C-alpha atoms as a PDB file:
ATOM      1  CA  MET A   1      13.155  -9.879  46.877  1.00  0.00           C
ATOM      2  CA  LYS A   2      12.982  -9.112  43.140  1.00  0.00           C
ATOM      3  CA  VAL A   3       9.738 -10.022  41.373  1.00  0.00           C
ATOM      4  CA  PRO A   4      10.356 -12.016  38.166  1.00  0.00           C
ATOM      5  CA  SER A   5       9.347 -10.389  34.894  1.00  0.00           C
ATOM      6  CA  LEU A   6       6.166 -11.460  33.143  1.00  0.00           C
ATOM      7  CA  SER A   7       7.565 -10.851  29.672  1.00  0.00           C
ATOM      8  CA  VAL A   8       9.071 -14.323  29.069  1.00  0.00           C
ATOM      9  CA  PRO A   9       6.004 -16.327  30.173  1.00  0.00           C
ATOM     10  CA  LEU A  10       3.657 -14.015  28.254  1.00  0.00           C
ATOM     11  CA  PHE A  11       5.847 -14.257  25.149  1.00  0.00           C
ATOM     12  CA  LEU A  12       5.809 -18.061  25.360  1.00  0.00           C
ATOM     13  CA  ILE A  13       2.040 -18.158  25.789  1.00  0.00           C
ATOM     14  CA  ILE A  14       1.360 -15.773  22.896  1.00  0.00           C
ATOM     15  CA  PHE A  15       3.952 -17.332  20.572  1.00  0.00           C
ATOM     16  CA  GLY A  16       2.788 -20.860  21.410  1.00  0.00           C
ATOM     17  CA  SER A  17      -0.856 -19.939  20.883  1.00  0.00           C
ATOM     18  CA  LEU A  18      -0.143 -18.358  17.512  1.00  0.00           C
ATOM     19  CA  TRP A  19       1.974 -21.326  16.471  1.00  0.00           C
ATOM     20  CA  LEU A  20      -0.798 -23.744  17.501  1.00  0.00           C
ATOM     21  CA  LEU A  21      -3.448 -21.760  15.603  1.00  0.00           C
ATOM     22  CA  LYS A  22      -1.221 -21.619  12.514  1.00  0.00           C
ATOM     23  CA  THR A  23      -0.426 -25.348  12.735  1.00  0.00           C
ATOM     24  CA  LEU A  24      -4.114 -26.239  12.998  1.00  0.00           C
ATOM     25  CA  ALA A  25      -4.842 -23.891  10.047  1.00  0.00           C
ATOM     26  CA  TRP A  26      -7.228 -21.855  12.180  1.00  0.00           C
ATOM     27  CA  LEU A  27      -5.237 -18.687  11.608  1.00  0.00           C
ATOM     28  CA  PRO A  28      -5.395 -16.922   8.242  1.00  0.00           C
ATOM     29  CA  ASP A  29      -2.292 -16.386   6.131  1.00  0.00           C
ATOM     30  CA  SER A  30       0.174 -13.786   7.341  1.00  0.00           C
ATOM     31  CA  SER A  31      -0.505 -11.537   4.372  1.00  0.00           C
ATOM     32  CA  THR A  32      -4.224 -11.546   5.149  1.00  0.00           C
ATOM     33  CA  ILE A  33      -3.523 -10.549   8.743  1.00  0.00           C
ATOM     34  CA  ILE A  34      -1.156  -7.775   7.631  1.00  0.00           C
ATOM     35  CA  ALA A  35      -3.729  -6.509   5.127  1.00  0.00           C
ATOM     36  CA  ALA A  36      -6.437  -6.446   7.809  1.00  0.00           C
ATOM     37  CA  ILE A  37      -4.133  -4.609  10.218  1.00  0.00           C
ATOM     38  CA  LEU A  38      -3.334  -1.963   7.591  1.00  0.00           C
ATOM     39  CA  VAL A  39      -7.005  -1.413   6.755  1.00  0.00           C
ATOM     40  CA  ALA A  40      -7.863  -1.203  10.464  1.00  0.00           C
ATOM     41  CA  ALA A  41      -4.982   1.247  11.003  1.00  0.00           C
ATOM     42  CA  GLY A  42      -6.354   3.459   8.233  1.00  0.00           C
ATOM     43  CA  VAL A  43      -9.813   3.445   9.765  1.00  0.00           C
ATOM     44  CA  LEU A  44      -8.337   4.207  13.196  1.00  0.00           C
ATOM     45  CA  VAL A  45      -6.392   7.151  11.801  1.00  0.00           C
ATOM     46  CA  PHE A  46      -9.668   8.687  10.620  1.00  0.00           C
ATOM     47  CA  ILE A  47     -11.431   7.900  13.896  1.00  0.00           C
ATOM     48  CA  LEU A  48      -8.694   9.082  16.250  1.00  0.00           C
ATOM     49  CA  ASP A  49      -7.240  11.945  14.220  1.00  0.00           C
ATOM     50  CA  GLY A  50     -10.317  13.167  12.395  1.00  0.00           C
ATOM     51  CA  ILE A  51     -10.175  14.607   8.912  1.00  0.00           C
ATOM     52  CA  ASN A  52      -7.167  16.861   8.481  1.00  0.00           C
ATOM     53  CA  LYS A  53      -4.376  17.459   5.990  1.00  0.00           C
ATOM     54  CA  GLN A  54      -2.310  14.517   7.254  1.00  0.00           C
ATOM     55  CA  SER A  55      -5.063  11.966   7.788  1.00  0.00           C
ATOM     56  CA  VAL A  56      -6.663  12.613   4.404  1.00  0.00           C
ATOM     57  CA  ILE A  57      -3.461  11.191   2.883  1.00  0.00           C
ATOM     58  CA  SER A  58      -2.350   8.542   5.356  1.00  0.00           C
ATOM     59  CA  ALA A  59      -5.673   6.829   6.169  1.00  0.00           C
ATOM     60  CA  PRO A  60      -6.835   6.074   2.605  1.00  0.00           C
ATOM     61  CA  LEU A  61      -3.300   5.101   1.616  1.00  0.00           C
ATOM     62  CA  LEU A  62      -3.033   2.613   4.494  1.00  0.00           C
ATOM     63  CA  MET A  63      -6.381   1.115   3.523  1.00  0.00           C
ATOM     64  CA  TYR A  64      -5.352   0.946  -0.148  1.00  0.00           C
ATOM     65  CA  ILE A  65      -2.053  -0.773   0.646  1.00  0.00           C
ATOM     66  CA  GLY A  66      -3.917  -3.317   2.780  1.00  0.00           C
ATOM     67  CA  GLY A  67      -6.337  -3.946  -0.063  1.00  0.00           C
ATOM     68  CA  VAL A  68      -3.490  -4.354  -2.559  1.00  0.00           C
ATOM     69  CA  ILE A  69      -1.700  -6.855  -0.337  1.00  0.00           C
ATOM     70  CA  TYR A  70      -4.906  -8.867   0.013  1.00  0.00           C
ATOM     71  CA  ALA A  71      -5.750  -8.679  -3.718  1.00  0.00           C
ATOM     72  CA  VAL A  72      -2.271  -9.803  -4.763  1.00  0.00           C
ATOM     73  CA  ASP A  73      -2.149 -12.655  -2.268  1.00  0.00           C
ATOM     74  CA  ALA A  74      -5.725 -13.927  -2.305  1.00  0.00           C
ATOM     75  CA  TYR A  75      -6.688 -13.362  -5.934  1.00  0.00           C
ATOM     76  CA  GLY A  76      -3.318 -13.303  -7.690  1.00  0.00           C
ATOM     77  CA  TYR A  77      -3.687  -9.838  -9.200  1.00  0.00           C
ATOM     78  CA  ALA A  78      -0.565  -8.343 -10.742  1.00  0.00           C
ATOM     79  CA  ALA A  79       1.129  -5.966  -8.325  1.00  0.00           C
ATOM     80  CA  LYS A  80       2.619  -3.509 -10.832  1.00  0.00           C
ATOM     81  CA  PRO A  81      -0.676  -1.993 -12.084  1.00  0.00           C
ATOM     82  CA  LEU A  82      -1.955  -1.747  -8.526  1.00  0.00           C
ATOM     83  CA  ILE A  83       1.227   0.034  -7.440  1.00  0.00           C
ATOM     84  CA  ALA A  84       0.931   2.418 -10.406  1.00  0.00           C
ATOM     85  CA  PHE A  85      -2.687   3.131  -9.458  1.00  0.00           C
ATOM     86  CA  GLY A  86      -1.520   3.671  -5.875  1.00  0.00           C
ATOM     87  CA  MET A  87       0.880   6.346  -7.080  1.00  0.00           C
ATOM     88  CA  ILE A  88      -1.985   8.076  -8.898  1.00  0.00           C
ATOM     89  CA  LEU A  89      -4.122   7.794  -5.754  1.00  0.00           C
ATOM     90  CA  LEU A  90      -1.340   9.266  -3.621  1.00  0.00           C
ATOM     91  CA  GLY A  91      -0.975  12.206  -6.000  1.00  0.00           C
ATOM     92  CA  CYS A  92      -4.712  12.858  -5.907  1.00  0.00           C
ATOM     93  CA  LEU A  93      -4.771  12.652  -2.117  1.00  0.00           C
ATOM     94  CA  MET A  94      -1.865  15.089  -1.910  1.00  0.00           C
ATOM     95  CA  LEU A  95      -3.775  17.539  -4.126  1.00  0.00           C
ATOM     96  CA  ILE A  96      -6.870  17.163  -1.948  1.00  0.00           C
ATOM     97  CA  ALA A  97      -4.791  17.818   1.181  1.00  0.00           C
ATOM     98  CA  ARG A  98      -3.591  21.112  -0.327  1.00  0.00           C
ATOM     99  CA  SER A  99      -7.170  22.342  -0.526  1.00  0.00           C
ATOM    100  CA  ASP A 100      -8.343  24.996   1.914  1.00  0.00           C
ATOM    101  CA  ALA A 101     -11.465  22.895   2.518  1.00  0.00           C
ATOM    102  CA  VAL A 102      -9.369  20.342   4.430  1.00  0.00           C
ATOM    103  CA  PRO A 103      -8.461  21.684   7.879  1.00  0.00           C
ATOM    104  CA  PRO A 104      -4.894  21.488   9.201  1.00  0.00           C
ATOM    105  CA  LYS A 105      -4.058  19.116  12.034  1.00  0.00           C
ATOM    106  CA  ARG A 106      -4.862  20.622  15.379  1.00  0.00           C
ATOM    107  CA  PRO A 107      -2.110  20.506  17.979  1.00  0.00           C
ATOM    108  CA  LYS A 108      -2.938  18.394  20.998  1.00  0.00           C
ATOM    109  CA  SER A 109      -4.059  20.576  23.865  1.00  0.00           C
ATOM    110  CA  GLU A 110      -2.127  20.208  27.062  1.00  0.00           C
ATOM    111  CA  SER A 111      -4.123  19.311  30.132  1.00  0.00           C
END
């Protein structure tokens, strides 16, 4: 006999819980959640990948984008200057990644 999938009941439980939390205003705005996820992703890139030529660009940029999303939504800052500053930041990070002081990404060792 075939065992029914758990995906539909789990989807209904998760979706219903999120909907309830949003309806009761216990859940923050979507943009705040996205900003927090981006900042957490940037921190995780540094933790899991270490400092290397790829992570020195991607991790701070993820954290900056999360901060920009939060600043624009929560405080009403203008997005265009923040995007322009983000381009400057990206250029600086790319220059830093070219430095010999930043190690290249190590290939994952096979077990």
